[in-house]
Amino acid sequence: MAGRSDVNNLRTIVETTLVPHTAFEDATQRLEQCFAYASGASEPICIALVGESRTGKSRVLEECFSRHPRIRNANGLNTPILRVKTPSKPTVKSLAELMLRALGDPKAHTGSENTKTARLLTLMVESGVMMVMIDEFQHFYDKGSHKVMHHVADWLKILVDDARVALVVAGLPTCRAVIEQNEQLAGRFLSPVYMPRFNWQDIDQREEFIAILGAFQESIGQCFDLPRFTGDEMAFRFYCGTGGLIGYLSKFLRQAVWNAIDANSKSIDLSSLLRAHSQSIWAQDGPTGLPSPFDRRFSTEVTDDLLARINKIGVPADEVRIPRNRAARQTGELGVQAVLTAR
């Protein structure tokens, strides 16, 4: 039986397989450039990393962050990059607290907005922070009220101005509204970096997607017998199962590996992929009226209709708005009817 360390390595084989592709490498290079030129810049360098969910934005941040690790020296802990994730409903105090915690402040939860900000600026200087990374930046935009958290955005702009550091924000396309609706903030930002989903109809992107499958086959194939991921038919099945989203591909393959480990199996075949796909991809994310792409009944004929449906994988459903009229609130029956007829 394999040792504990061997099993742990198998469990993380998908996560530890780094498969750089053009969008990933371009985004990483842009962030590295911002970091390199942050010191001595006449004004803070700001850039946005934008893309749909599961396109690899956080992986880009992680790659850049890992290249500039914290280092303890005679002056204390040096933190070149301060990285945090935006809370769901950010305020200045909550965001400042997260940043203070990331810098190791034991009293991060204490103090007023102004006190926390002053302490944060001091710690950023003492810790040698050169770049601030803010993930999930779309939370600065309230989808319910369609309002931007202008106060928090203004505070962030002033913070990076005063600290003289680079700023990287990453989020869904709605995060652009935060920048576009703040004239001073928009003036600081370079052209955004987009992380798109792969497009099967684009030959270069298709070949790159297949190359990524090949990289996963090489790493996973060291431990398991696999079908040929890069064959035309199988590659298209993978594309249809993930919508060309690299995050979905990783999540799906990870599930397949976990299942094989639990079954003490050295093989992952089409039926294994079918089961893993049904377990790992939220049912509503897939196109309706079709069998799983890993079902033998699935037709691998490429059609415009099929591709259009596949491109909707991972796209959030439109929110149903419930009319706020008194009658709709009076009875549950009418309330349900209002939901069913809402446009």
C-alpha atoms as a PDB file:
ATOM      1  CA  MET A   1       0.000   0.000   0.000  1.00  0.00           C
ATOM      2  CA  ALA A   2       1.283   3.462  -0.810  1.00  0.00           C
ATOM      3  CA  GLY A   3       2.650   5.533   2.044  1.00  0.00           C
ATOM      4  CA  ARG A   4       0.825   8.564   3.427  1.00  0.00           C
ATOM      5  CA  SER A   5       3.149  10.996   1.627  1.00  0.00           C
ATOM      6  CA  ASP A   6       2.611   9.178  -1.681  1.00  0.00           C
ATOM      7  CA  VAL A   7      -1.169   9.385  -1.294  1.00  0.00           C
ATOM      8  CA  ASN A   8      -0.963  13.072  -0.418  1.00  0.00           C
ATOM      9  CA  ASN A   9       1.112  13.684  -3.528  1.00  0.00           C
ATOM     10  CA  LEU A  10      -1.493  11.880  -5.623  1.00  0.00           C
ATOM     11  CA  ARG A  11      -4.309  13.910  -4.093  1.00  0.00           C
ATOM     12  CA  THR A  12      -2.672  17.172  -5.124  1.00  0.00           C
ATOM     13  CA  ILE A  13      -1.262  16.085  -8.475  1.00  0.00           C
ATOM     14  CA  VAL A  14      -3.729  18.259 -10.407  1.00  0.00           C
ATOM     15  CA  GLU A  15      -3.159  21.375  -8.274  1.00  0.00           C
ATOM     16  CA  THR A  16       0.610  21.018  -8.531  1.00  0.00           C
ATOM     17  CA  THR A  17       0.536  20.680 -12.311  1.00  0.00           C
ATOM     18  CA  LEU A  18       1.277  24.186 -13.549  1.00  0.00           C
ATOM     19  CA  VAL A  19       0.200  24.504 -17.158  1.00  0.00           C
ATOM     20  CA  PRO A  20       1.133  27.992 -18.379  1.00  0.00           C
ATOM     21  CA  HIS A  21      -0.717  29.163 -21.455  1.00  0.00           C
ATOM     22  CA  THR A  22      -0.663  32.397 -23.433  1.00  0.00           C
ATOM     23  CA  ALA A  23      -3.217  34.285 -21.315  1.00  0.00           C
ATOM     24  CA  PHE A  24      -1.594  33.046 -18.096  1.00  0.00           C
ATOM     25  CA  GLU A  25       1.914  33.963 -19.213  1.00  0.00           C
ATOM     26  CA  ASP A  26       0.849  37.372 -20.554  1.00  0.00           C
ATOM     27  CA  ALA A  27      -0.971  38.204 -17.330  1.00  0.00           C
ATOM     28  CA  THR A  28       1.923  37.041 -15.167  1.00  0.00           C
ATOM     29  CA  GLN A  29       4.374  39.088 -17.237  1.00  0.00           C
ATOM     30  CA  ARG A  30       2.221  42.225 -16.870  1.00  0.00           C
ATOM     31  CA  LEU A  31       2.073  41.812 -13.097  1.00  0.00           C
ATOM     32  CA  GLU A  32       5.805  41.162 -12.869  1.00  0.00           C
ATOM     33  CA  GLN A  33       6.449  44.316 -14.886  1.00  0.00           C
ATOM     34  CA  CYS A  34       4.267  46.343 -12.513  1.00  0.00           C
ATOM     35  CA  PHE A  35       6.138  44.920  -9.536  1.00  0.00           C
ATOM     36  CA  ALA A  36       9.557  45.596 -11.061  1.00  0.00           C
ATOM     37  CA  TYR A  37       8.799  49.236 -11.836  1.00  0.00           C
ATOM     38  CA  ALA A  38       6.740  50.036  -8.716  1.00  0.00           C
ATOM     39  CA  SER A  39       9.731  51.466  -6.888  1.00  0.00           C
ATOM     40  CA  GLY A  40      10.548  54.945  -8.093  1.00  0.00           C
ATOM     41  CA  ALA A  41       7.441  55.345 -10.257  1.00  0.00           C
ATOM     42  CA  SER A  42       6.120  58.909 -10.410  1.00  0.00           C
ATOM     43  CA  GLU A  43       2.668  57.621  -9.407  1.00  0.00           C
ATOM     44  CA  PRO A  44       1.328  54.238  -8.269  1.00  0.00           C
ATOM     45  CA  ILE A  45       1.044  51.638 -11.034  1.00  0.00           C
ATOM     46  CA  CYS A  46      -2.418  50.072 -11.040  1.00  0.00           C
ATOM     47  CA  ILE A  47      -3.727  47.216 -13.157  1.00  0.00           C
ATOM     48  CA  ALA A  48      -6.895  45.094 -13.243  1.00  0.00           C
ATOM     49  CA  LEU A  49      -7.041  41.378 -13.985  1.00  0.00           C
ATOM     50  CA  VAL A  50     -10.517  40.699 -15.370  1.00  0.00           C
ATOM     51  CA  GLY A  51     -12.277  37.513 -16.407  1.00  0.00           C
ATOM     52  CA  GLU A  52     -15.185  35.174 -15.873  1.00  0.00           C
ATOM     53  CA  SER A  53     -15.203  32.843 -12.913  1.00  0.00           C
ATOM     54  CA  ARG A  54     -12.756  29.902 -13.191  1.00  0.00           C
ATOM     55  CA  THR A  55     -10.564  31.462 -15.903  1.00  0.00           C
ATOM     56  CA  GLY A  56      -7.405  31.367 -13.768  1.00  0.00           C
ATOM     57  CA  LYS A  57      -7.209  34.869 -12.284  1.00  0.00           C
ATOM     58  CA  SER A  58      -6.402  33.711  -8.763  1.00  0.00           C
ATOM     59  CA  ARG A  59      -3.773  31.301 -10.105  1.00  0.00           C
ATOM     60  CA  VAL A  60      -2.029  34.240 -11.798  1.00  0.00           C
ATOM     61  CA  LEU A  61      -2.033  36.166  -8.519  1.00  0.00           C
ATOM     62  CA  GLU A  62      -0.697  33.109  -6.697  1.00  0.00           C
ATOM     63  CA  GLU A  63       2.107  32.650  -9.229  1.00  0.00           C
ATOM     64  CA  CYS A  64       3.264  36.257  -8.935  1.00  0.00           C
ATOM     65  CA  PHE A  65       2.866  36.205  -5.151  1.00  0.00           C
ATOM     66  CA  SER A  66       4.956  33.020  -4.857  1.00  0.00           C
ATOM     67  CA  ARG A  67       7.811  34.584  -6.822  1.00  0.00           C
ATOM     68  CA  HIS A  68       8.237  37.251  -4.146  1.00  0.00           C
ATOM     69  CA  PRO A  69       7.896  35.404  -0.821  1.00  0.00           C
ATOM     70  CA  ARG A  70       8.128  36.911   2.611  1.00  0.00           C
ATOM     71  CA  ILE A  71      11.653  37.027   3.972  1.00  0.00           C
ATOM     72  CA  ARG A  72      12.678  37.506   7.583  1.00  0.00           C
ATOM     73  CA  ASN A  73      15.767  39.657   7.972  1.00  0.00           C
ATOM     74  CA  ALA A  74      17.454  41.680  10.701  1.00  0.00           C
ATOM     75  CA  ASN A  75      14.738  44.339  10.459  1.00  0.00           C
ATOM     76  CA  GLY A  76      11.868  41.864  10.770  1.00  0.00           C
ATOM     77  CA  LEU A  77       9.508  40.251   8.280  1.00  0.00           C
ATOM     78  CA  ASN A  78       9.742  41.703   4.777  1.00  0.00           C
ATOM     79  CA  THR A  79       6.491  41.338   2.786  1.00  0.00           C
ATOM     80  CA  PRO A  80       7.001  42.417  -0.848  1.00  0.00           C
ATOM     81  CA  ILE A  81       3.378  41.667  -1.818  1.00  0.00           C
ATOM     82  CA  LEU A  82       0.360  42.238   0.409  1.00  0.00           C
ATOM     83  CA  ARG A  83      -2.437  39.998  -0.839  1.00  0.00           C
ATOM     84  CA  VAL A  84      -6.030  39.889   0.436  1.00  0.00           C
ATOM     85  CA  LYS A  85      -9.461  38.796  -0.752  1.00  0.00           C
ATOM     86  CA  THR A  86     -12.281  41.349  -0.696  1.00  0.00           C
ATOM     87  CA  PRO A  87     -15.029  40.544   1.838  1.00  0.00           C
ATOM     88  CA  SER A  88     -18.551  40.184   0.449  1.00  0.00           C
ATOM     89  CA  LYS A  89     -19.661  43.633   1.647  1.00  0.00           C
ATOM     90  CA  PRO A  90     -16.441  45.600   2.066  1.00  0.00           C
ATOM     91  CA  THR A  91     -16.046  48.588   4.337  1.00  0.00           C
ATOM     92  CA  VAL A  92     -12.894  50.560   4.991  1.00  0.00           C
ATOM     93  CA  LYS A  93     -12.590  49.028   8.458  1.00  0.00           C
ATOM     94  CA  SER A  94     -13.115  45.442   7.278  1.00  0.00           C
ATOM     95  CA  LEU A  95     -10.661  45.752   4.390  1.00  0.00           C
ATOM     96  CA  ALA A  96      -8.069  47.522   6.527  1.00  0.00           C
ATOM     97  CA  GLU A  97      -8.427  44.785   9.143  1.00  0.00           C
ATOM     98  CA  LEU A  98      -7.802  42.060   6.553  1.00  0.00           C
ATOM     99  CA  MET A  99      -4.694  43.866   5.351  1.00  0.00           C
ATOM    100  CA  LEU A 100      -3.433  44.376   8.891  1.00  0.00           C
ATOM    101  CA  ARG A 101      -3.945  40.673   9.616  1.00  0.00           C
ATOM    102  CA  ALA A 102      -2.024  39.778   6.469  1.00  0.00           C
ATOM    103  CA  LEU A 103       0.867  41.848   7.797  1.00  0.00           C
ATOM    104  CA  GLY A 104       0.743  40.094  11.163  1.00  0.00           C
ATOM    105  CA  ASP A 105      -0.761  42.871  13.288  1.00  0.00           C
ATOM    106  CA  PRO A 106      -2.054  41.192  16.493  1.00  0.00           C
ATOM    107  CA  LYS A 107      -4.453  44.107  17.080  1.00  0.00           C
ATOM    108  CA  ALA A 108      -5.879  44.170  13.563  1.00  0.00           C
ATOM    109  CA  HIS A 109      -9.452  44.115  14.893  1.00  0.00           C
ATOM    110  CA  THR A 110      -9.060  47.200  17.075  1.00  0.00           C
ATOM    111  CA  GLY A 111      -9.246  50.902  16.331  1.00  0.00           C
ATOM    112  CA  SER A 112     -11.277  53.340  14.281  1.00  0.00           C
ATOM    113  CA  GLU A 113     -11.150  53.671  10.508  1.00  0.00           C
ATOM    114  CA  ASN A 114      -8.523  56.417  10.743  1.00  0.00           C
ATOM    115  CA  THR A 115      -6.499  54.568  13.372  1.00  0.00           C
ATOM    116  CA  LYS A 116      -6.429  51.362  11.348  1.00  0.00           C
ATOM    117  CA  THR A 117      -5.445  53.257   8.206  1.00  0.00           C
ATOM    118  CA  ALA A 118      -2.568  55.032   9.945  1.00  0.00           C
ATOM    119  CA  ARG A 119      -1.337  51.763  11.452  1.00  0.00           C
ATOM    120  CA  LEU A 120      -1.653  50.026   8.090  1.00  0.00           C
ATOM    121  CA  LEU A 121       0.426  52.665   6.311  1.00  0.00           C
ATOM    122  CA  THR A 122       3.143  52.387   8.952  1.00  0.00           C
ATOM    123  CA  LEU A 123       3.216  48.600   8.730  1.00  0.00           C
ATOM    124  CA  MET A 124       3.303  48.654   4.924  1.00  0.00           C
ATOM    125  CA  VAL A 125       6.398  50.849   5.002  1.00  0.00           C
ATOM    126  CA  GLU A 126       8.068  48.834   7.771  1.00  0.00           C
ATOM    127  CA  SER A 127       7.305  45.549   5.981  1.00  0.00           C
ATOM    128  CA  GLY A 128       8.681  46.730   2.637  1.00  0.00           C
ATOM    129  CA  VAL A 129       5.401  46.271   0.766  1.00  0.00           C
ATOM    130  CA  MET A 130       5.850  46.993  -2.952  1.00  0.00           C
ATOM    131  CA  MET A 131       2.531  45.750  -4.309  1.00  0.00           C
ATOM    132  CA  VAL A 132      -1.011  45.274  -3.011  1.00  0.00           C
ATOM    133  CA  MET A 133      -3.162  42.514  -4.528  1.00  0.00           C
ATOM    134  CA  ILE A 134      -6.940  42.650  -4.064  1.00  0.00           C
ATOM    135  CA  ASP A 135      -8.811  39.539  -5.238  1.00  0.00           C
ATOM    136  CA  GLU A 136     -12.612  39.309  -5.705  1.00  0.00           C
ATOM    137  CA  PHE A 137     -12.669  43.034  -6.524  1.00  0.00           C
ATOM    138  CA  GLN A 138     -16.214  42.709  -7.914  1.00  0.00           C
ATOM    139  CA  HIS A 139     -17.438  42.888  -4.308  1.00  0.00           C
ATOM    140  CA  PHE A 140     -16.763  46.626  -4.485  1.00  0.00           C
ATOM    141  CA  TYR A 141     -19.845  46.635  -6.737  1.00  0.00           C
ATOM    142  CA  ASP A 142     -23.171  45.744  -5.110  1.00  0.00           C
ATOM    143  CA  LYS A 143     -25.175  43.762  -7.665  1.00  0.00           C
ATOM    144  CA  GLY A 144     -28.367  44.124  -5.659  1.00  0.00           C
ATOM    145  CA  SER A 145     -28.386  47.914  -5.587  1.00  0.00           C
ATOM    146  CA  HIS A 146     -26.149  48.365  -8.650  1.00  0.00           C
ATOM    147  CA  LYS A 147     -24.009  50.738  -6.610  1.00  0.00           C
ATOM    148  CA  VAL A 148     -20.255  51.044  -6.301  1.00  0.00           C
ATOM    149  CA  MET A 149     -18.688  51.220  -2.834  1.00  0.00           C
ATOM    150  CA  HIS A 150     -17.207  54.624  -3.680  1.00  0.00           C
ATOM    151  CA  HIS A 151     -15.991  55.354  -0.156  1.00  0.00           C
ATOM    152  CA  VAL A 152     -13.946  52.142  -0.016  1.00  0.00           C
ATOM    153  CA  ALA A 153     -12.625  52.667  -3.558  1.00  0.00           C
ATOM    154  CA  ASP A 154     -11.567  56.235  -2.704  1.00  0.00           C
ATOM    155  CA  TRP A 155      -9.859  54.981   0.442  1.00  0.00           C
ATOM    156  CA  LEU A 156      -7.948  52.355  -1.544  1.00  0.00           C
ATOM    157  CA  LYS A 157      -6.775  54.961  -4.061  1.00  0.00           C
ATOM    158  CA  ILE A 158      -5.501  57.227  -1.289  1.00  0.00           C
ATOM    159  CA  LEU A 159      -3.844  54.285   0.475  1.00  0.00           C
ATOM    160  CA  VAL A 160      -1.743  53.258  -2.534  1.00  0.00           C
ATOM    161  CA  ASP A 161      -0.980  56.922  -3.272  1.00  0.00           C
ATOM    162  CA  ASP A 162       0.330  57.478   0.247  1.00  0.00           C
ATOM    163  CA  ALA A 163       2.167  54.142   0.413  1.00  0.00           C
ATOM    164  CA  ARG A 164       3.627  54.551  -3.102  1.00  0.00           C
ATOM    165  CA  VAL A 165       2.960  50.931  -4.012  1.00  0.00           C
ATOM    166  CA  ALA A 166       1.600  49.136  -7.070  1.00  0.00           C
ATOM    167  CA  LEU A 167      -2.013  47.950  -6.994  1.00  0.00           C
ATOM    168  CA  VAL A 168      -3.387  44.820  -8.670  1.00  0.00           C
ATOM    169  CA  VAL A 169      -7.098  44.067  -8.513  1.00  0.00           C
ATOM    170  CA  ALA A 170      -8.701  40.908  -9.875  1.00  0.00           C
ATOM    171  CA  GLY A 171     -12.345  40.115 -10.369  1.00  0.00           C
ATOM    172  CA  LEU A 172     -15.327  39.365 -12.544  1.00  0.00           C
ATOM    173  CA  PRO A 173     -16.176  41.743 -15.416  1.00  0.00           C
ATOM    174  CA  THR A 174     -18.531  43.698 -13.123  1.00  0.00           C
ATOM    175  CA  CYS A 175     -15.475  44.987 -11.261  1.00  0.00           C
ATOM    176  CA  ARG A 176     -14.785  47.314 -14.183  1.00  0.00           C
ATOM    177  CA  ALA A 177     -17.677  49.484 -12.990  1.00  0.00           C
ATOM    178  CA  VAL A 178     -15.742  50.240  -9.799  1.00  0.00           C
ATOM    179  CA  ILE A 179     -12.885  51.699 -11.818  1.00  0.00           C
ATOM    180  CA  GLU A 180     -14.895  53.291 -14.604  1.00  0.00           C
ATOM    181  CA  GLN A 181     -17.184  55.164 -12.191  1.00  0.00           C
ATOM    182  CA  ASN A 182     -14.270  56.679 -10.281  1.00  0.00           C
ATOM    183  CA  GLU A 183     -12.492  59.203 -12.488  1.00  0.00           C
ATOM    184  CA  GLN A 184      -9.406  59.511 -10.307  1.00  0.00           C
ATOM    185  CA  LEU A 185      -9.111  55.759  -9.850  1.00  0.00           C
ATOM    186  CA  ALA A 186      -9.585  55.130 -13.578  1.00  0.00           C
ATOM    187  CA  GLY A 187      -6.786  57.577 -14.326  1.00  0.00           C
ATOM    188  CA  ARG A 188      -4.385  55.444 -12.296  1.00  0.00           C
ATOM    189  CA  PHE A 189      -5.123  52.158 -14.067  1.00  0.00           C
ATOM    190  CA  LEU A 190      -3.323  50.722 -17.061  1.00  0.00           C
ATOM    191  CA  SER A 191      -5.241  48.827 -19.725  1.00  0.00           C
ATOM    192  CA  PRO A 192      -6.850  45.777 -18.072  1.00  0.00           C
ATOM    193  CA  VAL A 193      -5.549  42.256 -18.506  1.00  0.00           C
ATOM    194  CA  TYR A 194      -8.288  39.889 -19.653  1.00  0.00           C
ATOM    195  CA  MET A 195      -8.396  36.183 -18.804  1.00  0.00           C
ATOM    196  CA  PRO A 196     -10.824  34.685 -21.345  1.00  0.00           C
ATOM    197  CA  ARG A 197     -12.276  31.203 -21.524  1.00  0.00           C
ATOM    198  CA  PHE A 198     -10.875  29.077 -24.355  1.00  0.00           C
ATOM    199  CA  ASN A 199     -12.739  29.318 -27.666  1.00  0.00           C
ATOM    200  CA  TRP A 200     -12.954  26.044 -29.600  1.00  0.00           C
ATOM    201  CA  GLN A 201     -13.599  27.897 -32.863  1.00  0.00           C
ATOM    202  CA  ASP A 202     -10.288  29.749 -32.557  1.00  0.00           C
ATOM    203  CA  ILE A 203      -7.647  27.349 -33.891  1.00  0.00           C
ATOM    204  CA  ASP A 204      -4.829  28.734 -31.735  1.00  0.00           C
ATOM    205  CA  GLN A 205      -6.922  28.596 -28.575  1.00  0.00           C
ATOM    206  CA  ARG A 206      -8.141  25.112 -29.422  1.00  0.00           C
ATOM    207  CA  GLU A 207      -4.579  23.889 -29.856  1.00  0.00           C
ATOM    208  CA  GLU A 208      -3.589  25.523 -26.588  1.00  0.00           C
ATOM    209  CA  PHE A 209      -6.493  23.889 -24.754  1.00  0.00           C
ATOM    210  CA  ILE A 210      -5.437  20.513 -26.165  1.00  0.00           C
ATOM    211  CA  ALA A 211      -1.840  21.210 -25.091  1.00  0.00           C
ATOM    212  CA  ILE A 212      -3.089  21.819 -21.550  1.00  0.00           C
ATOM    213  CA  LEU A 213      -4.872  18.468 -21.661  1.00  0.00           C
ATOM    214  CA  GLY A 214      -1.568  16.961 -22.744  1.00  0.00           C
ATOM    215  CA  ALA A 215       0.215  18.489 -19.753  1.00  0.00           C
ATOM    216  CA  PHE A 216      -2.379  17.037 -17.379  1.00  0.00           C
ATOM    217  CA  GLN A 217      -2.141  13.668 -19.136  1.00  0.00           C
ATOM    218  CA  GLU A 218       1.619  13.668 -18.662  1.00  0.00           C
ATOM    219  CA  SER A 219       1.439  14.375 -14.929  1.00  0.00           C
ATOM    220  CA  ILE A 220      -1.613  12.260 -14.039  1.00  0.00           C
ATOM    221  CA  GLY A 221      -0.503   9.519 -16.442  1.00  0.00           C
ATOM    222  CA  GLN A 222       2.577   8.877 -14.306  1.00  0.00           C
ATOM    223  CA  CYS A 223       0.271   7.301 -11.723  1.00  0.00           C
ATOM    224  CA  PHE A 224      -2.835   6.181 -13.635  1.00  0.00           C
ATOM    225  CA  ASP A 225      -3.709   4.532 -16.932  1.00  0.00           C
ATOM    226  CA  LEU A 226      -5.653   7.101 -18.950  1.00  0.00           C
ATOM    227  CA  PRO A 227      -7.457   7.416 -22.274  1.00  0.00           C
ATOM    228  CA  ARG A 228      -5.727   9.744 -24.725  1.00  0.00           C
ATOM    229  CA  PHE A 229      -6.848  13.205 -23.610  1.00  0.00           C
ATOM    230  CA  THR A 230      -5.484  14.926 -26.710  1.00  0.00           C
ATOM    231  CA  GLY A 231      -7.371  12.917 -29.332  1.00  0.00           C
ATOM    232  CA  ASP A 232      -9.798  15.092 -31.311  1.00  0.00           C
ATOM    233  CA  GLU A 233     -12.923  13.418 -29.967  1.00  0.00           C
ATOM    234  CA  MET A 234     -11.773  13.189 -26.351  1.00  0.00           C
ATOM    235  CA  ALA A 235     -10.434  16.757 -26.333  1.00  0.00           C
ATOM    236  CA  PHE A 236     -13.810  18.008 -27.545  1.00  0.00           C
ATOM    237  CA  ARG A 237     -15.520  16.049 -24.771  1.00  0.00           C
ATOM    238  CA  PHE A 238     -13.290  17.823 -22.252  1.00  0.00           C
ATOM    239  CA  TYR A 239     -14.089  21.172 -23.843  1.00  0.00           C
ATOM    240  CA  CYS A 240     -17.826  20.521 -23.751  1.00  0.00           C
ATOM    241  CA  GLY A 241     -17.593  19.367 -20.155  1.00  0.00           C
ATOM    242  CA  THR A 242     -15.808  22.486 -18.936  1.00  0.00           C
ATOM    243  CA  GLY A 243     -16.874  25.258 -21.295  1.00  0.00           C
ATOM    244  CA  GLY A 244     -13.227  26.033 -21.939  1.00  0.00           C
ATOM    245  CA  LEU A 245     -12.774  27.191 -18.328  1.00  0.00           C
ATOM    246  CA  ILE A 246      -9.415  26.146 -16.921  1.00  0.00           C
ATOM    247  CA  GLY A 247     -10.748  26.181 -13.350  1.00  0.00           C
ATOM    248  CA  TYR A 248     -13.508  23.717 -14.207  1.00  0.00           C
ATOM    249  CA  LEU A 249     -11.014  21.468 -15.970  1.00  0.00           C
ATOM    250  CA  SER A 250      -8.789  21.348 -12.883  1.00  0.00           C
ATOM    251  CA  LYS A 251     -11.724  20.734 -10.532  1.00  0.00           C
ATOM    252  CA  PHE A 252     -13.051  17.948 -12.742  1.00  0.00           C
ATOM    253  CA  LEU A 253      -9.713  16.149 -13.112  1.00  0.00           C
ATOM    254  CA  ARG A 254      -9.058  16.480  -9.397  1.00  0.00           C
ATOM    255  CA  GLN A 255     -12.338  14.663  -8.692  1.00  0.00           C
ATOM    256  CA  ALA A 256     -11.399  11.897 -11.127  1.00  0.00           C
ATOM    257  CA  VAL A 257      -8.079  11.417  -9.327  1.00  0.00           C
ATOM    258  CA  TRP A 258      -9.735  11.387  -5.903  1.00  0.00           C
ATOM    259  CA  ASN A 259     -12.229   8.758  -7.040  1.00  0.00           C
ATOM    260  CA  ALA A 260      -9.450   6.556  -8.390  1.00  0.00           C
ATOM    261  CA  ILE A 261      -7.489   6.841  -5.138  1.00  0.00           C
ATOM    262  CA  ASP A 262     -10.537   5.954  -3.039  1.00  0.00           C
ATOM    263  CA  ALA A 263     -11.295   2.959  -5.275  1.00  0.00           C
ATOM    264  CA  ASN A 264      -7.653   1.863  -5.104  1.00  0.00           C
ATOM    265  CA  SER A 265      -7.694   1.900  -8.901  1.00  0.00           C
ATOM    266  CA  LYS A 266      -4.784   2.512 -11.231  1.00  0.00           C
ATOM    267  CA  SER A 267      -7.068   3.325 -14.149  1.00  0.00           C
ATOM    268  CA  ILE A 268      -9.241   6.307 -15.103  1.00  0.00           C
ATOM    269  CA  ASP A 269     -11.445   5.485 -18.102  1.00  0.00           C
ATOM    270  CA  LEU A 270     -14.414   7.133 -19.832  1.00  0.00           C
ATOM    271  CA  SER A 271     -16.877   5.849 -17.233  1.00  0.00           C
ATOM    272  CA  SER A 272     -14.617   7.227 -14.495  1.00  0.00           C
ATOM    273  CA  LEU A 273     -14.624  10.614 -16.212  1.00  0.00           C
ATOM    274  CA  LEU A 274     -18.414  10.473 -16.541  1.00  0.00           C
ATOM    275  CA  ARG A 275     -18.809   9.924 -12.807  1.00  0.00           C
ATOM    276  CA  ALA A 276     -16.259  12.598 -11.877  1.00  0.00           C
ATOM    277  CA  HIS A 277     -17.895  15.110 -14.206  1.00  0.00           C
ATOM    278  CA  SER A 278     -21.327  14.566 -12.663  1.00  0.00           C
ATOM    279  CA  GLN A 279     -19.828  15.013  -9.196  1.00  0.00           C
ATOM    280  CA  SER A 280     -17.674  18.070  -9.818  1.00  0.00           C
ATOM    281  CA  ILE A 281     -19.626  20.367 -12.142  1.00  0.00           C
ATOM    282  CA  TRP A 282     -22.762  21.975 -10.746  1.00  0.00           C
ATOM    283  CA  ALA A 283     -25.683  20.538 -12.741  1.00  0.00           C
ATOM    284  CA  GLN A 284     -27.102  23.930 -13.699  1.00  0.00           C
ATOM    285  CA  ASP A 285     -23.751  24.937 -15.175  1.00  0.00           C
ATOM    286  CA  GLY A 286     -24.095  22.402 -17.988  1.00  0.00           C
ATOM    287  CA  PRO A 287     -26.231  22.703 -21.121  1.00  0.00           C
ATOM    288  CA  THR A 288     -29.717  21.302 -20.620  1.00  0.00           C
ATOM    289  CA  GLY A 289     -31.210  18.555 -22.768  1.00  0.00           C
ATOM    290  CA  LEU A 290     -27.870  16.888 -23.464  1.00  0.00           C
ATOM    291  CA  PRO A 291     -26.176  13.852 -21.937  1.00  0.00           C
ATOM    292  CA  SER A 292     -22.853  14.381 -20.216  1.00  0.00           C
ATOM    293  CA  PRO A 293     -19.993  14.868 -22.707  1.00  0.00           C
ATOM    294  CA  PHE A 294     -18.476  11.718 -21.199  1.00  0.00           C
ATOM    295  CA  ASP A 295     -21.584   9.654 -21.834  1.00  0.00           C
ATOM    296  CA  ARG A 296     -21.118   7.316 -24.812  1.00  0.00           C
ATOM    297  CA  ARG A 297     -24.410   8.633 -26.221  1.00  0.00           C
ATOM    298  CA  PHE A 298     -22.987  12.149 -26.506  1.00  0.00           C
ATOM    299  CA  SER A 299     -22.465  13.273 -30.104  1.00  0.00           C
ATOM    300  CA  THR A 300     -19.048  14.836 -30.649  1.00  0.00           C
ATOM    301  CA  GLU A 301     -20.159  16.522 -33.860  1.00  0.00           C
ATOM    302  CA  VAL A 302     -19.197  20.196 -33.623  1.00  0.00           C
ATOM    303  CA  THR A 303     -22.202  22.423 -34.311  1.00  0.00           C
ATOM    304  CA  ASP A 304     -22.832  26.134 -33.776  1.00  0.00           C
ATOM    305  CA  ASP A 305     -25.802  25.339 -31.547  1.00  0.00           C
ATOM    306  CA  LEU A 306     -23.759  23.027 -29.334  1.00  0.00           C
ATOM    307  CA  LEU A 307     -20.900  25.526 -29.005  1.00  0.00           C
ATOM    308  CA  ALA A 308     -23.337  28.322 -28.133  1.00  0.00           C
ATOM    309  CA  ARG A 309     -24.767  26.192 -25.350  1.00  0.00           C
ATOM    310  CA  ILE A 310     -21.341  25.137 -24.123  1.00  0.00           C
ATOM    311  CA  ASN A 311     -20.260  28.790 -23.900  1.00  0.00           C
ATOM    312  CA  LYS A 312     -22.974  29.330 -21.285  1.00  0.00           C
ATOM    313  CA  ILE A 313     -21.289  26.949 -18.861  1.00  0.00           C
ATOM    314  CA  GLY A 314     -20.286  28.881 -15.764  1.00  0.00           C
ATOM    315  CA  VAL A 315     -22.302  31.959 -16.723  1.00  0.00           C
ATOM    316  CA  PRO A 316     -24.523  32.911 -13.765  1.00  0.00           C
ATOM    317  CA  ALA A 317     -28.255  32.760 -14.355  1.00  0.00           C
ATOM    318  CA  ASP A 318     -30.100  36.075 -14.484  1.00  0.00           C
ATOM    319  CA  GLU A 319     -31.414  37.062 -11.095  1.00  0.00           C
ATOM    320  CA  VAL A 320     -35.173  36.852 -10.702  1.00  0.00           C
ATOM    321  CA  ARG A 321     -36.457  40.163  -9.379  1.00  0.00           C
ATOM    322  CA  ILE A 322     -39.517  39.875  -7.148  1.00  0.00           C
ATOM    323  CA  PRO A 323     -41.929  42.835  -7.495  1.00  0.00           C
ATOM    324  CA  ARG A 324     -42.111  44.704  -4.224  1.00  0.00           C
ATOM    325  CA  ASN A 325     -45.841  45.358  -4.220  1.00  0.00           C
ATOM    326  CA  ARG A 326     -47.986  45.001  -1.158  1.00  0.00           C
ATOM    327  CA  ALA A 327     -50.275  42.381  -2.662  1.00  0.00           C
ATOM    328  CA  ALA A 328     -47.354  40.114  -3.474  1.00  0.00           C
ATOM    329  CA  ARG A 329     -46.277  40.230   0.157  1.00  0.00           C
ATOM    330  CA  GLN A 330     -49.719  39.471   1.579  1.00  0.00           C
ATOM    331  CA  THR A 331     -50.004  35.820   0.534  1.00  0.00           C
ATOM    332  CA  GLY A 332     -47.459  33.172  -0.203  1.00  0.00           C
ATOM    333  CA  GLU A 333     -49.469  32.023  -3.232  1.00  0.00           C
ATOM    334  CA  LEU A 334     -49.398  35.434  -4.885  1.00  0.00           C
ATOM    335  CA  GLY A 335     -45.742  35.813  -3.977  1.00  0.00           C
ATOM    336  CA  VAL A 336     -44.897  32.579  -5.793  1.00  0.00           C
ATOM    337  CA  GLN A 337     -46.958  33.664  -8.779  1.00  0.00           C
ATOM    338  CA  ALA A 338     -45.068  36.956  -8.845  1.00  0.00           C
ATOM    339  CA  VAL A 339     -41.800  35.047  -9.000  1.00  0.00           C
ATOM    340  CA  LEU A 340     -43.037  32.774 -11.772  1.00  0.00           C
ATOM    341  CA  THR A 341     -44.258  35.679 -13.899  1.00  0.00           C
ATOM    342  CA  ALA A 342     -41.411  38.100 -13.163  1.00  0.00           C
ATOM    343  CA  ARG A 343     -39.715  39.469 -16.265  1.00  0.00           C
END
